Amino acid sequence: MTTGPSTGPGPLGLDPVLLEILACPDTHHSPLTVDEAASELVCTTCDRAFPVRDGIPVLLLDEARRRGAGS
């Protein structure tokens, strides 16, 4: 049963609707942007990068890496 029109998978194989509601588990309200080259979701506030494995975002702080200077 379909609840609405399907647009197909988005970047990294993630549902675009899911991407709209995902937020950083640390800052709680910060949206995540897609870094397709690195297969990661990136917090726009704390600059943590969360891996996406087999189309599943891994939003665990222990799995995240800090981007920016020195990474």
PDB file of N, CA and C in Angstrom:
ATOM      1  N   MET A   1       0.837  -1.170   0.000  1.00  0.00           N
ATOM      2  CA  MET A   1       0.000   0.000   0.000  1.00  0.00           C
ATOM      3  C   MET A   1       0.886   1.239   0.000  1.00  0.00           C
ATOM      4  N   THR A   2       0.626   2.170  -0.856  1.00  0.00           N
ATOM      5  CA  THR A   2       1.420   3.379  -0.992  1.00  0.00           C
ATOM      6  C   THR A   2       0.688   4.546  -0.346  1.00  0.00           C
ATOM      7  N   THR A   3       1.432   5.393   0.380  1.00  0.00           N
ATOM      8  CA  THR A   3       0.811   6.528   1.057  1.00  0.00           C
ATOM      9  C   THR A   3       0.908   7.814   0.256  1.00  0.00           C
ATOM     10  N   GLY A   4       1.661   7.814  -0.809  1.00  0.00           N
ATOM     11  CA  GLY A   4       1.800   9.008  -1.622  1.00  0.00           C
ATOM     12  C   GLY A   4       2.630   8.697  -2.841  1.00  0.00           C
ATOM     13  N   PRO A   5       2.839   9.705  -3.680  1.00  0.00           N
ATOM     14  CA  PRO A   5       3.626   9.462  -4.880  1.00  0.00           C
ATOM     15  C   PRO A   5       5.065   9.135  -4.538  1.00  0.00           C
ATOM     16  N   SER A   6       5.610   8.147  -5.213  1.00  0.00           N
ATOM     17  CA  SER A   6       6.983   7.739  -4.977  1.00  0.00           C
ATOM     18  C   SER A   6       7.898   8.510  -5.918  1.00  0.00           C
ATOM     19  N   THR A   7       8.912   9.112  -5.346  1.00  0.00           N
ATOM     20  CA  THR A   7       9.875   9.849  -6.158  1.00  0.00           C
ATOM     21  C   THR A   7      11.131   9.029  -6.392  1.00  0.00           C
ATOM     22  N   GLY A   8      11.184   7.827  -5.798  1.00  0.00           N
ATOM     23  CA  GLY A   8      12.361   6.994  -5.942  1.00  0.00           C
ATOM     24  C   GLY A   8      13.401   7.382  -4.928  1.00  0.00           C
ATOM     25  N   PRO A   9      14.453   6.586  -4.868  1.00  0.00           N
ATOM     26  CA  PRO A   9      15.498   6.881  -3.887  1.00  0.00           C
ATOM     27  C   PRO A   9      16.237   8.165  -4.221  1.00  0.00           C
ATOM     28  N   GLY A  10      16.643   8.848  -3.175  1.00  0.00           N
ATOM     29  CA  GLY A  10      17.400  10.076  -3.345  1.00  0.00           C
ATOM     30  C   GLY A  10      18.878   9.805  -3.225  1.00  0.00           C
ATOM     31  N   PRO A  11      19.648  10.807  -2.831  1.00  0.00           N
ATOM     32  CA  PRO A  11      21.092  10.636  -2.677  1.00  0.00           C
ATOM     33  C   PRO A  11      21.422   9.522  -1.692  1.00  0.00           C
ATOM     34  N   LEU A  12      22.437   8.761  -1.983  1.00  0.00           N
ATOM     35  CA  LEU A  12      22.920   7.659  -1.157  1.00  0.00           C
ATOM     36  C   LEU A  12      21.859   6.581  -0.947  1.00  0.00           C
ATOM     37  N   GLY A  13      20.840   6.554  -1.810  1.00  0.00           N
ATOM     38  CA  GLY A  13      19.793   5.554  -1.711  1.00  0.00           C
ATOM     39  C   GLY A  13      18.777   5.835  -0.620  1.00  0.00           C
ATOM     40  N   LEU A  14      18.804   7.047  -0.060  1.00  0.00           N
ATOM     41  CA  LEU A  14      17.900   7.413   1.019  1.00  0.00           C
ATOM     42  C   LEU A  14      16.627   8.046   0.476  1.00  0.00           C
ATOM     43  N   ASP A  15      15.531   7.777   1.137  1.00  0.00           N
ATOM     44  CA  ASP A  15      14.250   8.371   0.782  1.00  0.00           C
ATOM     45  C   ASP A  15      14.327   9.885   1.022  1.00  0.00           C
ATOM     46  N   PRO A  16      13.964  10.700   0.033  1.00  0.00           N
ATOM     47  CA  PRO A  16      14.018  12.161   0.216  1.00  0.00           C
ATOM     48  C   PRO A  16      13.179  12.655   1.395  1.00  0.00           C
ATOM     49  N   VAL A  17      12.063  11.999   1.681  1.00  0.00           N
ATOM     50  CA  VAL A  17      11.233  12.391   2.823  1.00  0.00           C
ATOM     51  C   VAL A  17      11.984  12.139   4.126  1.00  0.00           C
ATOM     52  N   LEU A  18      12.700  11.026   4.206  1.00  0.00           N
ATOM     53  CA  LEU A  18      13.510  10.732   5.386  1.00  0.00           C
ATOM     54  C   LEU A  18      14.589  11.792   5.569  1.00  0.00           C
ATOM     55  N   LEU A  19      15.238  12.178   4.494  1.00  0.00           N
ATOM     56  CA  LEU A  19      16.291  13.196   4.572  1.00  0.00           C
ATOM     57  C   LEU A  19      15.761  14.510   5.136  1.00  0.00           C
ATOM     58  N   GLU A  20      14.502  14.827   4.846  1.00  0.00           N
ATOM     59  CA  GLU A  20      13.917  16.076   5.342  1.00  0.00           C
ATOM     60  C   GLU A  20      13.712  16.068   6.850  1.00  0.00           C
ATOM     61  N   ILE A  21      13.501  14.889   7.446  1.00  0.00           N
ATOM     62  CA  ILE A  21      13.195  14.845   8.876  1.00  0.00           C
ATOM     63  C   ILE A  21      14.378  14.441   9.747  1.00  0.00           C
ATOM     64  N   LEU A  22      15.443  13.928   9.156  1.00  0.00           N
ATOM     65  CA  LEU A  22      16.616  13.542   9.947  1.00  0.00           C
ATOM     66  C   LEU A  22      17.283  14.778  10.549  1.00  0.00           C
ATOM     67  N   ALA A  23      17.772  14.627  11.766  1.00  0.00           N
ATOM     68  CA  ALA A  23      18.477  15.714  12.440  1.00  0.00           C
ATOM     69  C   ALA A  23      19.659  15.125  13.193  1.00  0.00           C
ATOM     70  N   CYS A  24      20.608  15.956  13.504  1.00  0.00           N
ATOM     71  CA  CYS A  24      21.798  15.541  14.244  1.00  0.00           C
ATOM     72  C   CYS A  24      21.397  15.019  15.620  1.00  0.00           C
ATOM     73  N   PRO A  25      21.916  13.854  16.028  1.00  0.00           N
ATOM     74  CA  PRO A  25      21.586  13.328  17.346  1.00  0.00           C
ATOM     75  C   PRO A  25      22.239  14.109  18.492  1.00  0.00           C
ATOM     76  N   ASP A  26      23.217  14.955  18.191  1.00  0.00           N
ATOM     77  CA  ASP A  26      23.868  15.745  19.227  1.00  0.00           C
ATOM     78  C   ASP A  26      23.189  17.102  19.391  1.00  0.00           C
ATOM     79  N   THR A  27      23.022  17.832  18.287  1.00  0.00           N
ATOM     80  CA  THR A  27      22.426  19.167  18.366  1.00  0.00           C
ATOM     81  C   THR A  27      20.910  19.112  18.322  1.00  0.00           C
ATOM     82  N   HIS A  28      20.337  17.995  17.937  1.00  0.00           N
ATOM     83  CA  HIS A  28      18.911  17.682  17.935  1.00  0.00           C
ATOM     84  C   HIS A  28      18.054  18.431  16.926  1.00  0.00           C
ATOM     85  N   HIS A  29      18.399  19.619  16.582  1.00  0.00           N
ATOM     86  CA  HIS A  29      17.559  20.369  15.656  1.00  0.00           C
ATOM     87  C   HIS A  29      18.259  20.702  14.348  1.00  0.00           C
ATOM     88  N   SER A  30      19.525  20.450  14.272  1.00  0.00           N
ATOM     89  CA  SER A  30      20.282  20.818  13.081  1.00  0.00           C
ATOM     90  C   SER A  30      20.023  19.832  11.949  1.00  0.00           C
ATOM     91  N   PRO A  31      19.728  20.364  10.781  1.00  0.00           N
ATOM     92  CA  PRO A  31      19.509  19.472   9.638  1.00  0.00           C
ATOM     93  C   PRO A  31      20.816  18.830   9.187  1.00  0.00           C
ATOM     94  N   LEU A  32      20.680  17.736   8.481  1.00  0.00           N
ATOM     95  CA  LEU A  32      21.838  17.040   7.933  1.00  0.00           C
ATOM     96  C   LEU A  32      21.867  17.229   6.426  1.00  0.00           C
ATOM     97  N   THR A  33      23.046  17.507   5.896  1.00  0.00           N
ATOM     98  CA  THR A  33      23.213  17.631   4.456  1.00  0.00           C
ATOM     99  C   THR A  33      23.939  16.397   3.942  1.00  0.00           C
ATOM    100  N   VAL A  34      23.804  16.148   2.668  1.00  0.00           N
ATOM    101  CA  VAL A  34      24.374  14.951   2.060  1.00  0.00           C
ATOM    102  C   VAL A  34      25.728  15.259   1.445  1.00  0.00           C
ATOM    103  N   ASP A  35      26.714  14.443   1.776  1.00  0.00           N
ATOM    104  CA  ASP A  35      28.014  14.465   1.103  1.00  0.00           C
ATOM    105  C   ASP A  35      28.113  13.134   0.368  1.00  0.00           C
ATOM    106  N   GLU A  36      27.676  13.145  -0.907  1.00  0.00           N
ATOM    107  CA  GLU A  36      27.632  11.903  -1.678  1.00  0.00           C
ATOM    108  C   GLU A  36      29.014  11.316  -1.908  1.00  0.00           C
ATOM    109  N   ALA A  37      30.011  12.156  -2.121  1.00  0.00           N
ATOM    110  CA  ALA A  37      31.364  11.666  -2.388  1.00  0.00           C
ATOM    111  C   ALA A  37      31.910  10.848  -1.220  1.00  0.00           C
ATOM    112  N   ALA A  38      31.572  11.254   0.005  1.00  0.00           N
ATOM    113  CA  ALA A  38      32.063  10.566   1.194  1.00  0.00           C
ATOM    114  C   ALA A  38      31.045   9.566   1.750  1.00  0.00           C
ATOM    115  N   SER A  39      29.850   9.481   1.146  1.00  0.00           N
ATOM    116  CA  SER A  39      28.758   8.624   1.640  1.00  0.00           C
ATOM    117  C   SER A  39      28.435   8.940   3.094  1.00  0.00           C
ATOM    118  N   GLU A  40      28.216  10.231   3.369  1.00  0.00           N
ATOM    119  CA  GLU A  40      27.968  10.684   4.728  1.00  0.00           C
ATOM    120  C   GLU A  40      26.840  11.715   4.761  1.00  0.00           C
ATOM    121  N   LEU A  41      26.255  11.847   5.946  1.00  0.00           N
ATOM    122  CA  LEU A  41      25.347  12.938   6.253  1.00  0.00           C
ATOM    123  C   LEU A  41      26.099  13.857   7.206  1.00  0.00           C
ATOM    124  N   VAL A  42      26.056  15.158   6.948  1.00  0.00           N
ATOM    125  CA  VAL A  42      26.863  16.112   7.697  1.00  0.00           C
ATOM    126  C   VAL A  42      25.962  17.087   8.447  1.00  0.00           C
ATOM    127  N   CYS A  43      26.247  17.276   9.738  1.00  0.00           N
ATOM    128  CA  CYS A  43      25.515  18.242  10.554  1.00  0.00           C
ATOM    129  C   CYS A  43      25.965  19.646  10.180  1.00  0.00           C
ATOM    130  N   THR A  44      24.999  20.537   9.958  1.00  0.00           N
ATOM    131  CA  THR A  44      25.322  21.906   9.567  1.00  0.00           C
ATOM    132  C   THR A  44      25.774  22.760  10.745  1.00  0.00           C
ATOM    133  N   THR A  45      25.627  22.258  11.973  1.00  0.00           N
ATOM    134  CA  THR A  45      26.023  23.019  13.156  1.00  0.00           C
ATOM    135  C   THR A  45      27.339  22.528  13.753  1.00  0.00           C
ATOM    136  N   CYS A  46      27.418  21.249  14.082  1.00  0.00           N
ATOM    137  CA  CYS A  46      28.614  20.733  14.769  1.00  0.00           C
ATOM    138  C   CYS A  46      29.648  20.157  13.808  1.00  0.00           C
ATOM    139  N   ASP A  47      29.317  20.052  12.531  1.00  0.00           N
ATOM    140  CA  ASP A  47      30.219  19.580  11.482  1.00  0.00           C
ATOM    141  C   ASP A  47      30.660  18.124  11.688  1.00  0.00           C
ATOM    142  N   ARG A  48      29.799  17.331  12.334  1.00  0.00           N
ATOM    143  CA  ARG A  48      30.055  15.890  12.415  1.00  0.00           C
ATOM    144  C   ARG A  48      29.551  15.248  11.134  1.00  0.00           C
ATOM    145  N   ALA A  49      30.231  14.188  10.717  1.00  0.00           N
ATOM    146  CA  ALA A  49      29.839  13.433   9.532  1.00  0.00           C
ATOM    147  C   ALA A  49      29.422  12.035   9.971  1.00  0.00           C
ATOM    148  N   PHE A  50      28.208  11.654   9.594  1.00  0.00           N
ATOM    149  CA  PHE A  50      27.655  10.353   9.950  1.00  0.00           C
ATOM    150  C   PHE A  50      27.645   9.470   8.714  1.00  0.00           C
ATOM    151  N   PRO A  51      28.168   8.248   8.822  1.00  0.00           N
ATOM    152  CA  PRO A  51      28.228   7.374   7.648  1.00  0.00           C
ATOM    153  C   PRO A  51      26.849   6.869   7.233  1.00  0.00           C
ATOM    154  N   VAL A  52      26.736   6.577   5.936  1.00  0.00           N
ATOM    155  CA  VAL A  52      25.554   5.901   5.406  1.00  0.00           C
ATOM    156  C   VAL A  52      26.062   4.585   4.844  1.00  0.00           C
ATOM    157  N   ARG A  53      25.563   3.488   5.418  1.00  0.00           N
ATOM    158  CA  ARG A  53      26.022   2.160   5.008  1.00  0.00           C
ATOM    159  C   ARG A  53      24.849   1.376   4.433  1.00  0.00           C
ATOM    160  N   ASP A  54      24.990   0.928   3.204  1.00  0.00           N
ATOM    161  CA  ASP A  54      23.943   0.162   2.532  1.00  0.00           C
ATOM    162  C   ASP A  54      22.604   0.882   2.569  1.00  0.00           C
ATOM    163  N   GLY A  55      22.636   2.204   2.402  1.00  0.00           N
ATOM    164  CA  GLY A  55      21.411   3.000   2.378  1.00  0.00           C
ATOM    165  C   GLY A  55      20.821   3.279   3.750  1.00  0.00           C
ATOM    166  N   ILE A  56      21.571   2.970   4.816  1.00  0.00           N
ATOM    167  CA  ILE A  56      21.079   3.184   6.181  1.00  0.00           C
ATOM    168  C   ILE A  56      21.969   4.217   6.876  1.00  0.00           C
ATOM    169  N   PRO A  57      21.386   5.354   7.298  1.00  0.00           N
ATOM    170  CA  PRO A  57      22.183   6.336   8.023  1.00  0.00           C
ATOM    171  C   PRO A  57      22.513   5.839   9.421  1.00  0.00           C
ATOM    172  N   VAL A  58      23.782   5.930   9.792  1.00  0.00           N
ATOM    173  CA  VAL A  58      24.235   5.496  11.117  1.00  0.00           C
ATOM    174  C   VAL A  58      24.420   6.762  11.953  1.00  0.00           C
ATOM    175  N   LEU A  59      23.378   7.115  12.707  1.00  0.00           N
ATOM    176  CA  LEU A  59      23.385   8.366  13.459  1.00  0.00           C
ATOM    177  C   LEU A  59      23.793   8.136  14.915  1.00  0.00           C
ATOM    178  N   LEU A  60      24.938   7.505  15.075  1.00  0.00           N
ATOM    179  CA  LEU A  60      25.511   7.264  16.401  1.00  0.00           C
ATOM    180  C   LEU A  60      26.728   8.168  16.569  1.00  0.00           C
ATOM    181  N   LEU A  61      26.796   8.860  17.688  1.00  0.00           N
ATOM    182  CA  LEU A  61      27.919   9.773  17.910  1.00  0.00           C
ATOM    183  C   LEU A  61      29.248   9.031  17.900  1.00  0.00           C
ATOM    184  N   ASP A  62      29.265   7.786  18.373  1.00  0.00           N
ATOM    185  CA  ASP A  62      30.500   6.998  18.366  1.00  0.00           C
ATOM    186  C   ASP A  62      30.962   6.656  16.950  1.00  0.00           C
ATOM    187  N   GLU A  63      30.066   6.667  15.991  1.00  0.00           N
ATOM    188  CA  GLU A  63      30.399   6.341  14.604  1.00  0.00           C
ATOM    189  C   GLU A  63      30.707   7.596  13.773  1.00  0.00           C
ATOM    190  N   ALA A  64      30.399   8.753  14.312  1.00  0.00           N
ATOM    191  CA  ALA A  64      30.594  10.016  13.587  1.00  0.00           C
ATOM    192  C   ALA A  64      32.052  10.435  13.616  1.00  0.00           C
ATOM    193  N   ARG A  65      32.425  11.222  12.626  1.00  0.00           N
ATOM    194  CA  ARG A  65      33.765  11.811  12.635  1.00  0.00           C
ATOM    195  C   ARG A  65      33.631  13.323  12.541  1.00  0.00           C
ATOM    196  N   ARG A  66      34.583  14.014  13.097  1.00  0.00           N
ATOM    197  CA  ARG A  66      34.613  15.476  13.010  1.00  0.00           C
ATOM    198  C   ARG A  66      35.236  15.871  11.690  1.00  0.00           C
ATOM    199  N   ARG A  67      34.572  16.764  10.995  1.00  0.00           N
ATOM    200  CA  ARG A  67      35.139  17.298   9.754  1.00  0.00           C
ATOM    201  C   ARG A  67      35.829  18.612  10.091  1.00  0.00           C
ATOM    202  N   GLY A  68      36.412  19.226   9.081  1.00  0.00           N
ATOM    203  CA  GLY A  68      37.037  20.517   9.305  1.00  0.00           C
ATOM    204  C   GLY A  68      38.545  20.384   9.423  1.00  0.00           C
ATOM    205  N   ALA A  69      39.148  21.314  10.119  1.00  0.00           N
ATOM    206  CA  ALA A  69      40.596  21.367  10.236  1.00  0.00           C
ATOM    207  C   ALA A  69      41.149  20.089  10.871  1.00  0.00           C
ATOM    208  N   GLY A  70      42.119  19.503  10.201  1.00  0.00           N
ATOM    209  CA  GLY A  70      42.802  18.361  10.742  1.00  0.00           C
ATOM    210  C   GLY A  70      42.147  17.019  10.500  1.00  0.00           C
ATOM    211  N   SER A  71      41.044  16.968   9.743  1.00  0.00           N
ATOM    212  CA  SER A  71      40.409  15.667   9.528  1.00  0.00           C
ATOM    213  C   SER A  71      40.623  15.140   8.157  1.00  0.00           C
TER     214      SER A  71
END
